[in-house]
């Protein structure tokens, strides 16, 4: 189902032109209009889902195979040195458009980006406490 007021529904379904690099019956992959690096693109399903939690299992099962296919294409054409696959859920996590999408970000030596997480040092017993909350 599409949402009439969703910009990504319009982009994914061709109502608004994009710099499309791939399209099939479920997805459109296009260059990000505000790229982090050369070749930064988005995998956007044509059907509307606000986030990963709402994504159907059928569509979800197709995202990573498509990401792998696009990653190979971008490696062949752009010769990246590394690659980030990013999927944000919720405003606090950096989601700005509430239509599920996955960022494919080719990385290059000295590209000026820093998308690495900052590891923490949990206090003694903290991991066990979190584990017990999850599995109990």
C-alpha atoms as a PDB file:
ATOM      1  CA  UNK A   1       0.000   0.000   0.000  1.00  0.00           C
ATOM      2  CA  UNK A   2       1.169   3.525  -0.769  1.00  0.00           C
ATOM      3  CA  UNK A   3       0.691   6.631   1.357  1.00  0.00           C
ATOM      4  CA  UNK A   4      -0.382   9.669  -0.637  1.00  0.00           C
ATOM      5  CA  UNK A   5       1.584  12.097   1.540  1.00  0.00           C
ATOM      6  CA  UNK A   6       4.840  10.065   1.586  1.00  0.00           C
ATOM      7  CA  UNK A   7       7.704  11.502  -0.475  1.00  0.00           C
ATOM      8  CA  UNK A   8       9.480   8.124  -0.623  1.00  0.00           C
ATOM      9  CA  UNK A   9       6.329   6.409  -1.911  1.00  0.00           C
ATOM     10  CA  UNK A  10       6.333   8.964  -4.720  1.00  0.00           C
ATOM     11  CA  UNK A  11      10.058   8.520  -5.403  1.00  0.00           C
ATOM     12  CA  UNK A  12       9.954   4.712  -5.243  1.00  0.00           C
ATOM     13  CA  UNK A  13       6.980   4.484  -7.579  1.00  0.00           C
ATOM     14  CA  UNK A  14       8.292   6.930 -10.166  1.00  0.00           C
ATOM     15  CA  UNK A  15       5.874   9.789  -9.471  1.00  0.00           C
ATOM     16  CA  UNK A  16       8.891  12.012  -8.818  1.00  0.00           C
ATOM     17  CA  UNK A  17      12.033  11.538 -10.942  1.00  0.00           C
ATOM     18  CA  UNK A  18      15.104  10.014  -9.293  1.00  0.00           C
ATOM     19  CA  UNK A  19      18.616   9.064 -10.326  1.00  0.00           C
ATOM     20  CA  UNK A  20      17.620   5.401 -10.453  1.00  0.00           C
ATOM     21  CA  UNK A  21      20.337   2.764 -10.691  1.00  0.00           C
ATOM     22  CA  UNK A  22      18.062  -0.270 -10.260  1.00  0.00           C
ATOM     23  CA  UNK A  23      14.359  -1.081 -10.205  1.00  0.00           C
ATOM     24  CA  UNK A  24      12.253  -4.202  -9.882  1.00  0.00           C
ATOM     25  CA  UNK A  25       8.643  -4.892  -8.882  1.00  0.00           C
ATOM     26  CA  UNK A  26       9.390  -4.378  -5.165  1.00  0.00           C
ATOM     27  CA  UNK A  27      12.140  -1.734  -4.957  1.00  0.00           C
ATOM     28  CA  UNK A  28      13.738   1.280  -6.521  1.00  0.00           C
ATOM     29  CA  UNK A  29      17.403   2.002  -5.799  1.00  0.00           C
ATOM     30  CA  UNK A  30      18.455   5.569  -6.461  1.00  0.00           C
ATOM     31  CA  UNK A  31      21.275   7.954  -5.662  1.00  0.00           C
ATOM     32  CA  UNK A  32      20.751   9.912  -2.444  1.00  0.00           C
ATOM     33  CA  UNK A  33      20.018  13.575  -3.218  1.00  0.00           C
ATOM     34  CA  UNK A  34      22.340  14.613  -0.350  1.00  0.00           C
ATOM     35  CA  UNK A  35      25.039  11.932  -0.519  1.00  0.00           C
ATOM     36  CA  UNK A  36      27.534  11.211   2.246  1.00  0.00           C
ATOM     37  CA  UNK A  37      29.961   9.874  -0.385  1.00  0.00           C
ATOM     38  CA  UNK A  38      30.145   9.265  -4.131  1.00  0.00           C
ATOM     39  CA  UNK A  39      27.618   6.572  -5.008  1.00  0.00           C
ATOM     40  CA  UNK A  40      25.577   6.806  -1.776  1.00  0.00           C
ATOM     41  CA  UNK A  41      22.223   5.343  -2.702  1.00  0.00           C
ATOM     42  CA  UNK A  42      18.983   4.212  -1.104  1.00  0.00           C
ATOM     43  CA  UNK A  43      17.060   0.964  -1.368  1.00  0.00           C
ATOM     44  CA  UNK A  44      13.400   1.980  -1.094  1.00  0.00           C
ATOM     45  CA  UNK A  45      10.477  -0.454  -1.234  1.00  0.00           C
ATOM     46  CA  UNK A  46       7.588   0.595  -3.430  1.00  0.00           C
ATOM     47  CA  UNK A  47       5.157  -0.441  -0.708  1.00  0.00           C
ATOM     48  CA  UNK A  48       4.947   1.842   2.339  1.00  0.00           C
ATOM     49  CA  UNK A  49       6.271   0.703   5.704  1.00  0.00           C
ATOM     50  CA  UNK A  50       7.188   3.306   8.330  1.00  0.00           C
ATOM     51  CA  UNK A  51      10.183   1.339   9.635  1.00  0.00           C
ATOM     52  CA  UNK A  52      11.802  -2.077  10.005  1.00  0.00           C
ATOM     53  CA  UNK A  53       9.310  -3.135  12.679  1.00  0.00           C
ATOM     54  CA  UNK A  54       6.439  -2.696  10.213  1.00  0.00           C
ATOM     55  CA  UNK A  55       8.267  -4.170   7.209  1.00  0.00           C
ATOM     56  CA  UNK A  56       6.678  -7.351   5.870  1.00  0.00           C
ATOM     57  CA  UNK A  57       8.775 -10.500   6.121  1.00  0.00           C
ATOM     58  CA  UNK A  58       8.511 -10.947   2.344  1.00  0.00           C
ATOM     59  CA  UNK A  59       9.987  -7.518   1.601  1.00  0.00           C
ATOM     60  CA  UNK A  60      12.512  -7.819   4.431  1.00  0.00           C
ATOM     61  CA  UNK A  61      13.843 -11.073   2.970  1.00  0.00           C
ATOM     62  CA  UNK A  62      14.746  -9.254  -0.248  1.00  0.00           C
ATOM     63  CA  UNK A  63      16.608  -6.237   1.176  1.00  0.00           C
ATOM     64  CA  UNK A  64      20.017  -7.794   1.916  1.00  0.00           C
ATOM     65  CA  UNK A  65      20.257  -9.812  -1.309  1.00  0.00           C
ATOM     66  CA  UNK A  66      19.552  -6.547  -3.166  1.00  0.00           C
ATOM     67  CA  UNK A  67      22.080  -4.664  -1.019  1.00  0.00           C
ATOM     68  CA  UNK A  68      24.694  -7.290  -1.905  1.00  0.00           C
ATOM     69  CA  UNK A  69      23.890  -6.976  -5.615  1.00  0.00           C
ATOM     70  CA  UNK A  70      24.150  -3.167  -5.486  1.00  0.00           C
ATOM     71  CA  UNK A  71      27.348  -3.337  -3.425  1.00  0.00           C
ATOM     72  CA  UNK A  72      28.967  -5.464  -6.152  1.00  0.00           C
ATOM     73  CA  UNK A  73      27.781  -3.071  -8.866  1.00  0.00           C
ATOM     74  CA  UNK A  74      29.131  -0.050  -6.989  1.00  0.00           C
ATOM     75  CA  UNK A  75      32.455  -1.822  -6.351  1.00  0.00           C
ATOM     76  CA  UNK A  76      32.784  -2.609 -10.065  1.00  0.00           C
ATOM     77  CA  UNK A  77      31.837   0.906 -11.224  1.00  0.00           C
ATOM     78  CA  UNK A  78      33.247   3.128  -8.452  1.00  0.00           C
ATOM     79  CA  UNK A  79      35.997   1.050  -6.832  1.00  0.00           C
ATOM     80  CA  UNK A  80      35.173   1.811  -3.201  1.00  0.00           C
ATOM     81  CA  UNK A  81      37.549   0.877  -0.339  1.00  0.00           C
ATOM     82  CA  UNK A  82      34.850  -0.092   2.174  1.00  0.00           C
ATOM     83  CA  UNK A  83      31.088  -0.046   2.508  1.00  0.00           C
ATOM     84  CA  UNK A  84      28.424   0.881   5.073  1.00  0.00           C
ATOM     85  CA  UNK A  85      24.889  -0.485   5.031  1.00  0.00           C
ATOM     86  CA  UNK A  86      22.777   1.746   7.299  1.00  0.00           C
ATOM     87  CA  UNK A  87      19.138   1.438   8.270  1.00  0.00           C
ATOM     88  CA  UNK A  88      17.746   3.913  10.840  1.00  0.00           C
ATOM     89  CA  UNK A  89      14.535   3.424  12.847  1.00  0.00           C
ATOM     90  CA  UNK A  90      13.034   6.302  14.781  1.00  0.00           C
ATOM     91  CA  UNK A  91      14.019   9.932  15.034  1.00  0.00           C
ATOM     92  CA  UNK A  92      16.530   9.314  17.845  1.00  0.00           C
ATOM     93  CA  UNK A  93      18.321   6.816  15.575  1.00  0.00           C
ATOM     94  CA  UNK A  94      18.564   9.316  12.720  1.00  0.00           C
ATOM     95  CA  UNK A  95      15.478   8.394  10.675  1.00  0.00           C
ATOM     96  CA  UNK A  96      14.275  11.547   8.917  1.00  0.00           C
ATOM     97  CA  UNK A  97      11.902  10.031   6.345  1.00  0.00           C
ATOM     98  CA  UNK A  98       9.391   7.624   7.860  1.00  0.00           C
ATOM     99  CA  UNK A  99       9.301   5.178   4.975  1.00  0.00           C
ATOM    100  CA  UNK A 100      11.601   2.192   5.467  1.00  0.00           C
ATOM    101  CA  UNK A 101      14.800   2.557   3.459  1.00  0.00           C
ATOM    102  CA  UNK A 102      18.359   1.320   3.554  1.00  0.00           C
ATOM    103  CA  UNK A 103      21.402   3.477   2.870  1.00  0.00           C
ATOM    104  CA  UNK A 104      24.236   1.982   0.832  1.00  0.00           C
ATOM    105  CA  UNK A 105      27.304   4.133   1.420  1.00  0.00           C
ATOM    106  CA  UNK A 106      30.509   3.401  -0.479  1.00  0.00           C
ATOM    107  CA  UNK A 107      33.541   4.398   1.555  1.00  0.00           C
ATOM    108  CA  UNK A 108      36.804   5.779   0.251  1.00  0.00           C
ATOM    109  CA  UNK A 109      40.104   6.437   1.935  1.00  0.00           C
ATOM    110  CA  UNK A 110      40.020  10.011   3.318  1.00  0.00           C
ATOM    111  CA  UNK A 111      36.335  10.515   2.382  1.00  0.00           C
ATOM    112  CA  UNK A 112      35.807  12.621   5.513  1.00  0.00           C
ATOM    113  CA  UNK A 113      32.951  10.495   6.846  1.00  0.00           C
ATOM    114  CA  UNK A 114      32.840   8.906  10.282  1.00  0.00           C
ATOM    115  CA  UNK A 115      29.986   6.437  10.553  1.00  0.00           C
ATOM    116  CA  UNK A 116      31.639   4.260  13.174  1.00  0.00           C
ATOM    117  CA  UNK A 117      29.951   3.497  16.475  1.00  0.00           C
ATOM    118  CA  UNK A 118      31.701   4.413  19.702  1.00  0.00           C
ATOM    119  CA  UNK A 119      31.988   1.272  21.868  1.00  0.00           C
ATOM    120  CA  UNK A 120      31.259   1.654  25.569  1.00  0.00           C
ATOM    121  CA  UNK A 121      32.661  -0.134  28.605  1.00  0.00           C
ATOM    122  CA  UNK A 122      29.737  -1.682  30.483  1.00  0.00           C
ATOM    123  CA  UNK A 123      29.967  -1.859  34.247  1.00  0.00           C
ATOM    124  CA  UNK A 124      30.465  -5.226  35.895  1.00  0.00           C
ATOM    125  CA  UNK A 125      27.247  -7.224  35.728  1.00  0.00           C
ATOM    126  CA  UNK A 126      25.551  -4.831  33.288  1.00  0.00           C
ATOM    127  CA  UNK A 127      25.553  -7.219  30.310  1.00  0.00           C
ATOM    128  CA  UNK A 128      24.156 -10.023  32.466  1.00  0.00           C
ATOM    129  CA  UNK A 129      21.400  -7.690  33.696  1.00  0.00           C
ATOM    130  CA  UNK A 130      20.457  -6.713  30.155  1.00  0.00           C
ATOM    131  CA  UNK A 131      20.532 -10.346  29.078  1.00  0.00           C
ATOM    132  CA  UNK A 132      18.174 -11.319  31.879  1.00  0.00           C
ATOM    133  CA  UNK A 133      15.756  -8.534  30.869  1.00  0.00           C
ATOM    134  CA  UNK A 134      15.716  -9.795  27.289  1.00  0.00           C
ATOM    135  CA  UNK A 135      15.476 -13.548  27.817  1.00  0.00           C
ATOM    136  CA  UNK A 136      13.242 -13.711  30.904  1.00  0.00           C
END
